[in-house]
Amino acid sequence: QPVHDHMRTELMCGQYLDLLEQAHGENTFESALRVALYKSGK
């Protein structure tokens, strides 16, 4: 259950980071990678 809970939290945080990335208008590979990890990869 702790893994399950953490996975869902990571997903929601990743969705927010994605919104933030679009709002910034500029991105680096490292910031895009962070979004990809939390929103999808993990």
Full PDB file with SEQRES, HELIX, SHEET, SSBOND, CRYST1, ORIGX, SCALE, CONECT and MASTER records, all heavy atoms in Angstrom:
SEQRES   1 A   42  GLN PRO VAL HIS ASP HIS MET ARG THR GLU LEU MET CYS          
SEQRES   2 A   42  GLY GLN TYR LEU ASP LEU LEU GLU GLN ALA HIS GLY GLU          
SEQRES   3 A   42  ASN THR PHE GLU SER ALA LEU ARG VAL ALA LEU TYR LYS          
SEQRES   4 A   42  SER GLY LYS                                                  
HELIX    1 AA1 PRO A    2  HIS A   24  1                                  23    
HELIX    2 AA2 PHE A   29  ALA A   36  1                                   8    
HELIX    3 AA3 LEU A   37  GLY A   41  3                                   5    
CRYST1    1.000    1.000    1.000  90.00  90.00  90.00 P 1           1          
ORIGX1      1.000000  0.000000  0.000000        0.00000                         
ORIGX2      0.000000  1.000000  0.000000        0.00000                         
ORIGX3      0.000000  0.000000  1.000000        0.00000                         
SCALE1      1.000000  0.000000  0.000000        0.00000                         
SCALE2      0.000000  1.000000  0.000000        0.00000                         
SCALE3      0.000000  0.000000  1.000000        0.00000                         
ATOM      1  N   GLN A   1       0.801  -1.224   0.000  1.00  0.00           N  
ATOM      2  CA  GLN A   1       0.000   0.000   0.000  1.00  0.00           C  
ATOM      3  C   GLN A   1       0.840   1.283   0.000  1.00  0.00           C  
ATOM      4  O   GLN A   1       0.505   2.233  -0.726  1.00  0.00           O  
ATOM      5  CB  GLN A   1      -0.964   0.012   1.192  1.00  0.00           C  
ATOM      6  CG  GLN A   1      -2.008   1.120   1.126  1.00  0.00           C  
ATOM      7  CD  GLN A   1      -2.904   0.989  -0.098  1.00  0.00           C  
ATOM      8  OE1 GLN A   1      -3.434  -0.084  -0.380  1.00  0.00           O  
ATOM      9  NE2 GLN A   1      -3.071   2.075  -0.845  1.00  0.00           N  
ATOM     10  N   PRO A   2       1.922   1.361   0.772  1.00  0.00           N  
ATOM     11  CA  PRO A   2       2.743   2.587   0.710  1.00  0.00           C  
ATOM     12  C   PRO A   2       3.296   2.854  -0.687  1.00  0.00           C  
ATOM     13  O   PRO A   2       3.402   4.011  -1.103  1.00  0.00           O  
ATOM     14  CB  PRO A   2       3.870   2.312   1.715  1.00  0.00           C  
ATOM     15  CG  PRO A   2       3.282   1.338   2.691  1.00  0.00           C  
ATOM     16  CD  PRO A   2       2.393   0.464   1.856  1.00  0.00           C  
ATOM     17  N   VAL A   3       3.648   1.797  -1.405  1.00  0.00           N  
ATOM     18  CA  VAL A   3       4.123   1.959  -2.787  1.00  0.00           C  
ATOM     19  C   VAL A   3       2.998   2.482  -3.658  1.00  0.00           C  
ATOM     20  O   VAL A   3       3.187   3.393  -4.475  1.00  0.00           O  
ATOM     21  CB  VAL A   3       4.657   0.622  -3.344  1.00  0.00           C  
ATOM     22  CG1 VAL A   3       5.088   0.782  -4.801  1.00  0.00           C  
ATOM     23  CG2 VAL A   3       5.808   0.109  -2.502  1.00  0.00           C  
ATOM     24  N   HIS A   4       1.816   1.914  -3.482  1.00  0.00           N  
ATOM     25  CA  HIS A   4       0.643   2.325  -4.257  1.00  0.00           C  
ATOM     26  C   HIS A   4       0.314   3.797  -4.004  1.00  0.00           C  
ATOM     27  O   HIS A   4       0.072   4.564  -4.943  1.00  0.00           O  
ATOM     28  CB  HIS A   4      -0.535   1.431  -3.868  1.00  0.00           C  
ATOM     29  CG  HIS A   4      -1.715   1.515  -4.780  1.00  0.00           C  
ATOM     30  ND1 HIS A   4      -2.767   2.370  -4.554  1.00  0.00           N  
ATOM     31  CD2 HIS A   4      -2.016   0.852  -5.929  1.00  0.00           C  
ATOM     32  CE1 HIS A   4      -3.669   2.233  -5.511  1.00  0.00           C  
ATOM     33  NE2 HIS A   4      -3.243   1.324  -6.356  1.00  0.00           N  
ATOM     34  N   ASP A   5       0.333   4.194  -2.739  1.00  0.00           N  
ATOM     35  CA  ASP A   5       0.032   5.581  -2.391  1.00  0.00           C  
ATOM     36  C   ASP A   5       1.069   6.533  -2.979  1.00  0.00           C  
ATOM     37  O   ASP A   5       0.721   7.597  -3.523  1.00  0.00           O  
ATOM     38  CB  ASP A   5      -0.012   5.745  -0.864  1.00  0.00           C  
ATOM     39  CG  ASP A   5      -1.174   4.999  -0.222  1.00  0.00           C  
ATOM     40  OD1 ASP A   5      -2.155   4.706  -0.931  1.00  0.00           O  
ATOM     41  OD2 ASP A   5      -1.088   4.710   0.990  1.00  0.00           O  
ATOM     42  N   HIS A   6       2.336   6.168  -2.857  1.00  0.00           N  
ATOM     43  CA  HIS A   6       3.414   7.031  -3.351  1.00  0.00           C  
ATOM     44  C   HIS A   6       3.349   7.170  -4.874  1.00  0.00           C  
ATOM     45  O   HIS A   6       3.599   8.253  -5.412  1.00  0.00           O  
ATOM     46  CB  HIS A   6       4.768   6.461  -2.930  1.00  0.00           C  
ATOM     47  CG  HIS A   6       5.925   7.351  -3.243  1.00  0.00           C  
ATOM     48  ND1 HIS A   6       6.094   8.578  -2.637  1.00  0.00           N  
ATOM     49  CD2 HIS A   6       6.964   7.220  -4.112  1.00  0.00           C  
ATOM     50  CE1 HIS A   6       7.189   9.156  -3.112  1.00  0.00           C  
ATOM     51  NE2 HIS A   6       7.727   8.354  -4.007  1.00  0.00           N  
ATOM     52  N   MET A   7       2.998   6.094  -5.557  1.00  0.00           N  
ATOM     53  CA  MET A   7       2.886   6.120  -7.012  1.00  0.00           C  
ATOM     54  C   MET A   7       1.837   7.137  -7.450  1.00  0.00           C  
ATOM     55  O   MET A   7       2.065   7.936  -8.375  1.00  0.00           O  
ATOM     56  CB  MET A   7       2.521   4.734  -7.535  1.00  0.00           C  
ATOM     57  CG  MET A   7       2.237   4.672  -9.026  1.00  0.00           C  
ATOM     58  SD  MET A   7       1.696   3.026  -9.563  1.00  0.00           S  
ATOM     59  CE  MET A   7       0.140   2.886  -8.677  1.00  0.00           C  
ATOM     60  N   ARG A   8       0.683   7.143  -6.784  1.00  0.00           N  
ATOM     61  CA  ARG A   8      -0.376   8.073  -7.163  1.00  0.00           C  
ATOM     62  C   ARG A   8       0.008   9.521  -6.847  1.00  0.00           C  
ATOM     63  O   ARG A   8      -0.314  10.437  -7.607  1.00  0.00           O  
ATOM     64  CB  ARG A   8      -1.680   7.686  -6.461  1.00  0.00           C  
ATOM     65  CG  ARG A   8      -2.273   6.375  -6.984  1.00  0.00           C  
ATOM     66  CD  ARG A   8      -3.584   6.038  -6.327  1.00  0.00           C  
ATOM     67  NE  ARG A   8      -3.421   5.757  -4.905  1.00  0.00           N  
ATOM     68  CZ  ARG A   8      -4.435   5.584  -4.069  1.00  0.00           C  
ATOM     69  NH1 ARG A   8      -5.677   5.691  -4.507  1.00  0.00           N  
ATOM     70  NH2 ARG A   8      -4.214   5.312  -2.792  1.00  0.00           N  
ATOM     71  N   THR A   9       0.710   9.706  -5.741  1.00  0.00           N  
ATOM     72  CA  THR A   9       1.179  11.053  -5.405  1.00  0.00           C  
ATOM     73  C   THR A   9       2.177  11.545  -6.442  1.00  0.00           C  
ATOM     74  O   THR A   9       2.107  12.703  -6.896  1.00  0.00           O  
ATOM     75  CB  THR A   9       1.836  11.056  -4.014  1.00  0.00           C  
ATOM     76  OG1 THR A   9       0.853  10.702  -3.024  1.00  0.00           O  
ATOM     77  CG2 THR A   9       2.406  12.427  -3.674  1.00  0.00           C  
ATOM     78  N   GLU A  10       3.111  10.683  -6.839  1.00  0.00           N  
ATOM     79  CA  GLU A  10       4.082  11.047  -7.866  1.00  0.00           C  
ATOM     80  C   GLU A  10       3.403  11.442  -9.166  1.00  0.00           C  
ATOM     81  O   GLU A  10       3.812  12.404  -9.825  1.00  0.00           O  
ATOM     82  CB  GLU A  10       5.044   9.878  -8.132  1.00  0.00           C  
ATOM     83  CG  GLU A  10       6.146   9.726  -7.123  1.00  0.00           C  
ATOM     84  CD  GLU A  10       7.121   8.628  -7.497  1.00  0.00           C  
ATOM     85  OE1 GLU A  10       6.736   7.727  -8.267  1.00  0.00           O  
ATOM     86  OE2 GLU A  10       8.256   8.664  -7.010  1.00  0.00           O  
ATOM     87  N   LEU A  11       2.375  10.710  -9.545  1.00  0.00           N  
ATOM     88  CA  LEU A  11       1.671  10.997 -10.785  1.00  0.00           C  
ATOM     89  C   LEU A  11       1.048  12.384 -10.746  1.00  0.00           C  
ATOM     90  O   LEU A  11       1.186  13.170 -11.697  1.00  0.00           O  
ATOM     91  CB  LEU A  11       0.592   9.938 -11.030  1.00  0.00           C  
ATOM     92  CG  LEU A  11      -0.369  10.198 -12.195  1.00  0.00           C  
ATOM     93  CD1 LEU A  11       0.393  10.358 -13.501  1.00  0.00           C  
ATOM     94  CD2 LEU A  11      -1.394   9.080 -12.291  1.00  0.00           C  
ATOM     95  N   MET A  12       0.366  12.722  -9.646  1.00  0.00           N  
ATOM     96  CA  MET A  12      -0.273  14.027  -9.550  1.00  0.00           C  
ATOM     97  C   MET A  12       0.753  15.154  -9.514  1.00  0.00           C  
ATOM     98  O   MET A  12       0.563  16.216 -10.125  1.00  0.00           O  
ATOM     99  CB  MET A  12      -1.173  14.090  -8.311  1.00  0.00           C  
ATOM    100  CG  MET A  12      -2.298  13.065  -8.325  1.00  0.00           C  
ATOM    101  SD  MET A  12      -3.272  13.130  -9.867  1.00  0.00           S  
ATOM    102  CE  MET A  12      -4.101  11.544  -9.795  1.00  0.00           C  
ATOM    103  N   CYS A  13       1.844  14.937  -8.813  1.00  0.00           N  
ATOM    104  CA  CYS A  13       2.915  15.941  -8.789  1.00  0.00           C  
ATOM    105  C   CYS A  13       3.509  16.111 -10.190  1.00  0.00           C  
ATOM    106  O   CYS A  13       3.840  17.230 -10.600  1.00  0.00           O  
ATOM    107  CB  CYS A  13       4.006  15.527  -7.799  1.00  0.00           C  
ATOM    108  SG  CYS A  13       3.490  15.637  -6.072  1.00  0.00           S  
ATOM    109  N   GLY A  14       3.630  15.011 -10.917  1.00  0.00           N  
ATOM    110  CA  GLY A  14       4.142  15.075 -12.279  1.00  0.00           C  
ATOM    111  C   GLY A  14       3.225  15.866 -13.190  1.00  0.00           C  
ATOM    112  O   GLY A  14       3.683  16.628 -14.054  1.00  0.00           O  
ATOM    113  N   GLN A  15       1.913  15.714 -13.003  1.00  0.00           N  
ATOM    114  CA  GLN A  15       0.958  16.473 -13.804  1.00  0.00           C  
ATOM    115  C   GLN A  15       1.115  17.974 -13.544  1.00  0.00           C  
ATOM    116  O   GLN A  15       1.046  18.801 -14.458  1.00  0.00           O  
ATOM    117  CB  GLN A  15      -0.480  16.040 -13.474  1.00  0.00           C  
ATOM    118  CG  GLN A  15      -0.825  14.606 -13.883  1.00  0.00           C  
ATOM    119  CD  GLN A  15      -1.136  14.482 -15.364  1.00  0.00           C  
ATOM    120  OE1 GLN A  15      -0.359  14.903 -16.208  1.00  0.00           O  
ATOM    121  NE2 GLN A  15      -2.260  13.875 -15.677  1.00  0.00           N  
ATOM    122  N   TYR A  16       1.328  18.327 -12.266  1.00  0.00           N  
ATOM    123  CA  TYR A  16       1.522  19.741 -11.940  1.00  0.00           C  
ATOM    124  C   TYR A  16       2.826  20.267 -12.533  1.00  0.00           C  
ATOM    125  O   TYR A  16       2.877  21.375 -13.078  1.00  0.00           O  
ATOM    126  CB  TYR A  16       1.516  19.962 -10.424  1.00  0.00           C  
ATOM    127  CG  TYR A  16       1.838  21.395 -10.059  1.00  0.00           C  
ATOM    128  CD1 TYR A  16       0.884  22.398 -10.218  1.00  0.00           C  
ATOM    129  CD2 TYR A  16       3.105  21.753  -9.603  1.00  0.00           C  
ATOM    130  CE1 TYR A  16       1.171  23.718  -9.918  1.00  0.00           C  
ATOM    131  CE2 TYR A  16       3.406  23.075  -9.304  1.00  0.00           C  
ATOM    132  CZ  TYR A  16       2.436  24.052  -9.459  1.00  0.00           C  
ATOM    133  OH  TYR A  16       2.736  25.359  -9.180  1.00  0.00           O  
ATOM    134  N   LEU A  17       3.889  19.466 -12.420  1.00  0.00           N  
ATOM    135  CA  LEU A  17       5.174  19.883 -12.987  1.00  0.00           C  
ATOM    136  C   LEU A  17       5.062  20.093 -14.495  1.00  0.00           C  
ATOM    137  O   LEU A  17       5.702  20.989 -15.053  1.00  0.00           O  
ATOM    138  CB  LEU A  17       6.244  18.833 -12.682  1.00  0.00           C  
ATOM    139  CG  LEU A  17       6.717  18.745 -11.230  1.00  0.00           C  
ATOM    140  CD1 LEU A  17       7.663  17.562 -11.054  1.00  0.00           C  
ATOM    141  CD2 LEU A  17       7.401  20.036 -10.797  1.00  0.00           C  
ATOM    142  N   ASP A  18       4.225  19.281 -15.144  1.00  0.00           N  
ATOM    143  CA  ASP A  18       4.009  19.436 -16.585  1.00  0.00           C  
ATOM    144  C   ASP A  18       3.332  20.772 -16.886  1.00  0.00           C  
ATOM    145  O   ASP A  18       3.729  21.501 -17.797  1.00  0.00           O  
ATOM    146  CB  ASP A  18       3.164  18.270 -17.099  1.00  0.00           C  
ATOM    147  CG  ASP A  18       3.057  18.256 -18.615  1.00  0.00           C  
ATOM    148  OD1 ASP A  18       4.002  18.714 -19.283  1.00  0.00           O  
ATOM    149  OD2 ASP A  18       2.037  17.787 -19.134  1.00  0.00           O  
ATOM    150  N   LEU A  19       2.291  21.111 -16.104  1.00  0.00           N  
ATOM    151  CA  LEU A  19       1.634  22.400 -16.261  1.00  0.00           C  
ATOM    152  C   LEU A  19       2.629  23.546 -16.051  1.00  0.00           C  
ATOM    153  O   LEU A  19       2.636  24.534 -16.793  1.00  0.00           O  
ATOM    154  CB  LEU A  19       0.492  22.535 -15.251  1.00  0.00           C  
ATOM    155  CG  LEU A  19      -0.832  21.844 -15.552  1.00  0.00           C  
ATOM    156  CD1 LEU A  19      -1.795  22.042 -14.385  1.00  0.00           C  
ATOM    157  CD2 LEU A  19      -1.458  22.383 -16.829  1.00  0.00           C  
ATOM    158  N   LEU A  20       3.462  23.396 -15.037  1.00  0.00           N  
ATOM    159  CA  LEU A  20       4.449  24.420 -14.715  1.00  0.00           C  
ATOM    160  C   LEU A  20       5.442  24.591 -15.859  1.00  0.00           C  
ATOM    161  O   LEU A  20       5.819  25.711 -16.218  1.00  0.00           O  
ATOM    162  CB  LEU A  20       5.180  24.022 -13.428  1.00  0.00           C  
ATOM    163  CG  LEU A  20       5.926  25.107 -12.662  1.00  0.00           C  
ATOM    164  CD1 LEU A  20       4.984  26.202 -12.200  1.00  0.00           C  
ATOM    165  CD2 LEU A  20       6.652  24.483 -11.475  1.00  0.00           C  
ATOM    166  N   GLU A  21       5.830  23.465 -16.448  1.00  0.00           N  
ATOM    167  CA  GLU A  21       6.791  23.505 -17.554  1.00  0.00           C  
ATOM    168  C   GLU A  21       6.223  24.259 -18.747  1.00  0.00           C  
ATOM    169  O   GLU A  21       6.918  25.060 -19.389  1.00  0.00           O  
ATOM    170  CB  GLU A  21       7.153  22.074 -17.960  1.00  0.00           C  
ATOM    171  CG  GLU A  21       8.352  21.964 -18.875  1.00  0.00           C  
ATOM    172  CD  GLU A  21       9.680  22.056 -18.150  1.00  0.00           C  
ATOM    173  OE1 GLU A  21       9.693  22.368 -16.943  1.00  0.00           O  
ATOM    174  OE2 GLU A  21      10.714  21.833 -18.796  1.00  0.00           O  
ATOM    175  N   GLN A  22       4.939  24.017 -19.043  1.00  0.00           N  
ATOM    176  CA  GLN A  22       4.309  24.723 -20.161  1.00  0.00           C  
ATOM    177  C   GLN A  22       4.182  26.212 -19.848  1.00  0.00           C  
ATOM    178  O   GLN A  22       4.360  27.067 -20.721  1.00  0.00           O  
ATOM    179  CB  GLN A  22       2.929  24.136 -20.465  1.00  0.00           C  
ATOM    180  CG  GLN A  22       2.841  22.625 -20.563  1.00  0.00           C  
ATOM    181  CD  GLN A  22       3.868  22.002 -21.488  1.00  0.00           C  
ATOM    182  OE1 GLN A  22       4.113  22.496 -22.573  1.00  0.00           O  
ATOM    183  NE2 GLN A  22       4.492  20.924 -21.037  1.00  0.00           N  
ATOM    184  N   ALA A  23       3.866  26.532 -18.585  1.00  0.00           N  
ATOM    185  CA  ALA A  23       3.663  27.926 -18.202  1.00  0.00           C  
ATOM    186  C   ALA A  23       4.958  28.727 -18.266  1.00  0.00           C  
ATOM    187  O   ALA A  23       4.961  29.905 -18.623  1.00  0.00           O  
ATOM    188  CB  ALA A  23       3.069  28.008 -16.791  1.00  0.00           C  
ATOM    189  N   HIS A  24       6.068  28.079 -17.921  1.00  0.00           N  
ATOM    190  CA  HIS A  24       7.354  28.763 -17.972  1.00  0.00           C  
ATOM    191  C   HIS A  24       7.708  29.190 -19.397  1.00  0.00           C  
ATOM    192  O   HIS A  24       8.352  30.215 -19.610  1.00  0.00           O  
ATOM    193  CB  HIS A  24       8.463  27.850 -17.441  1.00  0.00           C  
ATOM    194  CG  HIS A  24       8.458  27.738 -15.951  1.00  0.00           C  
ATOM    195  ND1 HIS A  24       9.176  26.761 -15.270  1.00  0.00           N  
ATOM    196  CD2 HIS A  24       7.833  28.454 -14.990  1.00  0.00           C  
ATOM    197  CE1 HIS A  24       8.983  26.902 -13.975  1.00  0.00           C  
ATOM    198  NE2 HIS A  24       8.169  27.912 -13.773  1.00  0.00           N  
ATOM    199  N   GLY A  25       7.305  28.362 -20.362  1.00  0.00           N  
ATOM    200  CA  GLY A  25       7.566  28.698 -21.760  1.00  0.00           C  
ATOM    201  C   GLY A  25       8.942  28.321 -22.256  1.00  0.00           C  
ATOM    202  O   GLY A  25       9.179  28.271 -23.453  1.00  0.00           O  
ATOM    203  N   GLU A  26       9.860  28.094 -21.371  1.00  0.00           N  
ATOM    204  CA  GLU A  26      11.205  27.644 -21.741  1.00  0.00           C  
ATOM    205  C   GLU A  26      11.521  26.417 -20.904  1.00  0.00           C  
ATOM    206  O   GLU A  26      11.087  26.306 -19.758  1.00  0.00           O  
ATOM    207  CB  GLU A  26      12.246  28.737 -21.480  1.00  0.00           C  
ATOM    208  CG  GLU A  26      12.132  29.933 -22.411  1.00  0.00           C  
ATOM    209  CD  GLU A  26      12.481  29.592 -23.858  1.00  0.00           C  
ATOM    210  OE1 GLU A  26      13.231  28.628 -24.084  1.00  0.00           O  
ATOM    211  OE2 GLU A  26      11.987  30.287 -24.763  1.00  0.00           O  
ATOM    212  N   ASN A  27      12.269  25.520 -21.480  1.00  0.00           N  
ATOM    213  CA  ASN A  27      12.610  24.324 -20.713  1.00  0.00           C  
ATOM    214  C   ASN A  27      13.996  23.829 -21.078  1.00  0.00           C  
ATOM    215  O   ASN A  27      14.513  24.131 -22.153  1.00  0.00           O  
ATOM    216  CB  ASN A  27      11.574  23.209 -20.941  1.00  0.00           C  
ATOM    217  CG  ASN A  27      11.567  22.704 -22.366  1.00  0.00           C  
ATOM    218  OD1 ASN A  27      11.763  23.461 -23.311  1.00  0.00           O  
ATOM    219  ND2 ASN A  27      11.314  21.420 -22.525  1.00  0.00           N  
ATOM    220  N   THR A  28      14.578  23.081 -20.159  1.00  0.00           N  
ATOM    221  CA  THR A  28      15.848  22.421 -20.421  1.00  0.00           C  
ATOM    222  C   THR A  28      15.582  20.930 -20.514  1.00  0.00           C  
ATOM    223  O   THR A  28      14.514  20.446 -20.117  1.00  0.00           O  
ATOM    224  CB  THR A  28      16.848  22.682 -19.283  1.00  0.00           C  
ATOM    225  OG1 THR A  28      16.330  22.080 -18.062  1.00  0.00           O  
ATOM    226  CG2 THR A  28      17.051  24.177 -19.062  1.00  0.00           C  
ATOM    227  N   PHE A  29      16.555  20.200 -21.014  1.00  0.00           N  
ATOM    228  CA  PHE A  29      16.391  18.753 -21.088  1.00  0.00           C  
ATOM    229  C   PHE A  29      16.204  18.185 -19.684  1.00  0.00           C  
ATOM    230  O   PHE A  29      15.400  17.270 -19.470  1.00  0.00           O  
ATOM    231  CB  PHE A  29      17.606  18.112 -21.761  1.00  0.00           C  
ATOM    232  CG  PHE A  29      17.453  16.633 -21.987  1.00  0.00           C  
ATOM    233  CD1 PHE A  29      16.788  16.155 -23.101  1.00  0.00           C  
ATOM    234  CD2 PHE A  29      17.953  15.720 -21.070  1.00  0.00           C  
ATOM    235  CE1 PHE A  29      16.619  14.791 -23.306  1.00  0.00           C  
ATOM    236  CE2 PHE A  29      17.795  14.354 -21.266  1.00  0.00           C  
ATOM    237  CZ  PHE A  29      17.126  13.886 -22.389  1.00  0.00           C  
ATOM    238  N   GLU A  30      16.927  18.740 -18.718  1.00  0.00           N  
ATOM    239  CA  GLU A  30      16.865  18.239 -17.342  1.00  0.00           C  
ATOM    240  C   GLU A  30      15.479  18.470 -16.736  1.00  0.00           C  
ATOM    241  O   GLU A  30      14.933  17.589 -16.062  1.00  0.00           O  
ATOM    242  CB  GLU A  30      17.936  18.913 -16.471  1.00  0.00           C  
ATOM    243  CG  GLU A  30      19.361  18.495 -16.779  1.00  0.00           C  
ATOM    244  CD  GLU A  30      19.869  19.028 -18.115  1.00  0.00           C  
ATOM    245  OE1 GLU A  30      19.323  20.082 -18.594  1.00  0.00           O  
ATOM    246  OE2 GLU A  30      20.773  18.410 -18.693  1.00  0.00           O  
ATOM    247  N   SER A  31      14.893  19.653 -16.992  1.00  0.00           N  
ATOM    248  CA  SER A  31      13.562  19.906 -16.429  1.00  0.00           C  
ATOM    249  C   SER A  31      12.501  19.054 -17.119  1.00  0.00           C  
ATOM    250  O   SER A  31      11.573  18.553 -16.478  1.00  0.00           O  
ATOM    251  CB  SER A  31      13.208  21.397 -16.542  1.00  0.00           C  
ATOM    252  OG  SER A  31      13.090  21.805 -17.898  1.00  0.00           O  
ATOM    253  N   ALA A  32      12.644  18.875 -18.422  1.00  0.00           N  
ATOM    254  CA  ALA A  32      11.705  18.012 -19.148  1.00  0.00           C  
ATOM    255  C   ALA A  32      11.842  16.562 -18.694  1.00  0.00           C  
ATOM    256  O   ALA A  32      10.845  15.831 -18.613  1.00  0.00           O  
ATOM    257  CB  ALA A  32      11.944  18.120 -20.655  1.00  0.00           C  
ATOM    258  N   LEU A  33      13.069  16.159 -18.392  1.00  0.00           N  
ATOM    259  CA  LEU A  33      13.303  14.804 -17.905  1.00  0.00           C  
ATOM    260  C   LEU A  33      12.637  14.599 -16.550  1.00  0.00           C  
ATOM    261  O   LEU A  33      12.032  13.551 -16.288  1.00  0.00           O  
ATOM    262  CB  LEU A  33      14.808  14.552 -17.789  1.00  0.00           C  
ATOM    263  CG  LEU A  33      15.257  13.244 -17.143  1.00  0.00           C  
ATOM    264  CD1 LEU A  33      14.705  12.056 -17.901  1.00  0.00           C  
ATOM    265  CD2 LEU A  33      16.779  13.177 -17.090  1.00  0.00           C  
ATOM    266  N   ARG A  34      12.708  15.606 -15.689  1.00  0.00           N  
ATOM    267  CA  ARG A  34      12.067  15.494 -14.378  1.00  0.00           C  
ATOM    268  C   ARG A  34      10.565  15.318 -14.528  1.00  0.00           C  
ATOM    269  O   ARG A  34       9.952  14.471 -13.863  1.00  0.00           O  
ATOM    270  CB  ARG A  34      12.371  16.747 -13.552  1.00  0.00           C  
ATOM    271  CG  ARG A  34      11.786  16.695 -12.147  1.00  0.00           C  
ATOM    272  CD  ARG A  34      12.106  17.940 -11.352  1.00  0.00           C  
ATOM    273  NE  ARG A  34      11.502  19.137 -11.943  1.00  0.00           N  
ATOM    274  CZ  ARG A  34      11.250  20.255 -11.266  1.00  0.00           C  
ATOM    275  NH1 ARG A  34      11.556  20.344  -9.991  1.00  0.00           N  
ATOM    276  NH2 ARG A  34      10.712  21.298 -11.870  1.00  0.00           N  
ATOM    277  N   VAL A  35       9.950  16.095 -15.416  1.00  0.00           N  
ATOM    278  CA  VAL A  35       8.519  15.951 -15.666  1.00  0.00           C  
ATOM    279  C   VAL A  35       8.204  14.557 -16.193  1.00  0.00           C  
ATOM    280  O   VAL A  35       7.260  13.895 -15.735  1.00  0.00           O  
ATOM    281  CB  VAL A  35       8.027  17.014 -16.671  1.00  0.00           C  
ATOM    282  CG1 VAL A  35       6.587  16.734 -17.090  1.00  0.00           C  
ATOM    283  CG2 VAL A  35       8.136  18.406 -16.075  1.00  0.00           C  
ATOM    284  N   ALA A  36       9.000  14.096 -17.149  1.00  0.00           N  
ATOM    285  CA  ALA A  36       8.765  12.782 -17.755  1.00  0.00           C  
ATOM    286  C   ALA A  36       8.849  11.669 -16.722  1.00  0.00           C  
ATOM    287  O   ALA A  36       8.060  10.718 -16.739  1.00  0.00           O  
ATOM    288  CB  ALA A  36       9.775  12.538 -18.872  1.00  0.00           C  
ATOM    289  N   LEU A  37       9.798  11.793 -15.805  1.00  0.00           N  
ATOM    290  CA  LEU A  37       9.958  10.771 -14.778  1.00  0.00           C  
ATOM    291  C   LEU A  37       8.735  10.705 -13.872  1.00  0.00           C  
ATOM    292  O   LEU A  37       8.199   9.631 -13.612  1.00  0.00           O  
ATOM    293  CB  LEU A  37      11.204  11.061 -13.942  1.00  0.00           C  
ATOM    294  CG  LEU A  37      12.503  10.406 -14.388  1.00  0.00           C  
ATOM    295  CD1 LEU A  37      13.658  10.874 -13.517  1.00  0.00           C  
ATOM    296  CD2 LEU A  37      12.395   8.892 -14.353  1.00  0.00           C  
ATOM    297  N   TYR A  38       8.298  11.861 -13.386  1.00  0.00           N  
ATOM    298  CA  TYR A  38       7.203  11.869 -12.424  1.00  0.00           C  
ATOM    299  C   TYR A  38       5.842  11.667 -13.071  1.00  0.00           C  
ATOM    300  O   TYR A  38       4.954  11.045 -12.490  1.00  0.00           O  
ATOM    301  CB  TYR A  38       7.217  13.178 -11.631  1.00  0.00           C  
ATOM    302  CG  TYR A  38       8.234  13.171 -10.528  1.00  0.00           C  
ATOM    303  CD1 TYR A  38       9.531  13.624 -10.754  1.00  0.00           C  
ATOM    304  CD2 TYR A  38       7.920  12.673  -9.268  1.00  0.00           C  
ATOM    305  CE1 TYR A  38      10.487  13.602  -9.744  1.00  0.00           C  
ATOM    306  CE2 TYR A  38       8.869  12.643  -8.254  1.00  0.00           C  
ATOM    307  CZ  TYR A  38      10.147  13.105  -8.502  1.00  0.00           C  
ATOM    308  OH  TYR A  38      11.082  13.060  -7.507  1.00  0.00           O  
ATOM    309  N   LYS A  39       5.675  12.208 -14.283  1.00  0.00           N  
ATOM    310  CA  LYS A  39       4.379  12.123 -14.923  1.00  0.00           C  
ATOM    311  C   LYS A  39       4.147  10.786 -15.612  1.00  0.00           C  
ATOM    312  O   LYS A  39       3.015  10.324 -15.727  1.00  0.00           O  
ATOM    313  CB  LYS A  39       4.234  13.255 -15.950  1.00  0.00           C  
ATOM    314  CG  LYS A  39       2.877  13.313 -16.615  1.00  0.00           C  
ATOM    315  CD  LYS A  39       2.833  14.392 -17.681  1.00  0.00           C  
ATOM    316  CE  LYS A  39       1.517  14.352 -18.420  1.00  0.00           C  
ATOM    317  NZ  LYS A  39       1.467  15.287 -19.544  1.00  0.00           N  
ATOM    318  N   SER A  40       5.217  10.144 -16.073  1.00  0.00           N  
ATOM    319  CA  SER A  40       5.040   8.945 -16.876  1.00  0.00           C  
ATOM    320  C   SER A  40       5.972   7.810 -16.472  1.00  0.00           C  
ATOM    321  O   SER A  40       5.538   6.704 -16.185  1.00  0.00           O  
ATOM    322  CB  SER A  40       5.243   9.275 -18.361  1.00  0.00           C  
ATOM    323  OG  SER A  40       5.084   8.139 -19.146  1.00  0.00           O  
ATOM    324  N   GLY A  41       7.277   8.092 -16.455  1.00  0.00           N  
ATOM    325  CA  GLY A  41       8.255   7.021 -16.292  1.00  0.00           C  
ATOM    326  C   GLY A  41       8.089   6.194 -15.033  1.00  0.00           C  
ATOM    327  O   GLY A  41       8.078   4.968 -15.075  1.00  0.00           O  
ATOM    328  N   LYS A  42       7.926   6.879 -13.905  1.00  0.00           N  
ATOM    329  CA  LYS A  42       7.860   6.142 -12.643  1.00  0.00           C  
ATOM    330  C   LYS A  42       6.592   5.309 -12.528  1.00  0.00           C  
ATOM    331  O   LYS A  42       6.632   4.153 -12.125  1.00  0.00           O  
ATOM    332  CB  LYS A  42       7.973   7.121 -11.464  1.00  0.00           C  
ATOM    333  CG  LYS A  42       9.372   7.658 -11.219  1.00  0.00           C  
ATOM    334  CD  LYS A  42       9.396   8.630 -10.064  1.00  0.00           C  
ATOM    335  CE  LYS A  42      10.818   9.051  -9.723  1.00  0.00           C  
ATOM    336  NZ  LYS A  42      11.594   7.955  -9.095  1.00  0.00           N  
TER     337      LYS A  42                                                      
MASTER        0    0    0    3    0    0    0    6  336    1    0    4          
END                                                                             
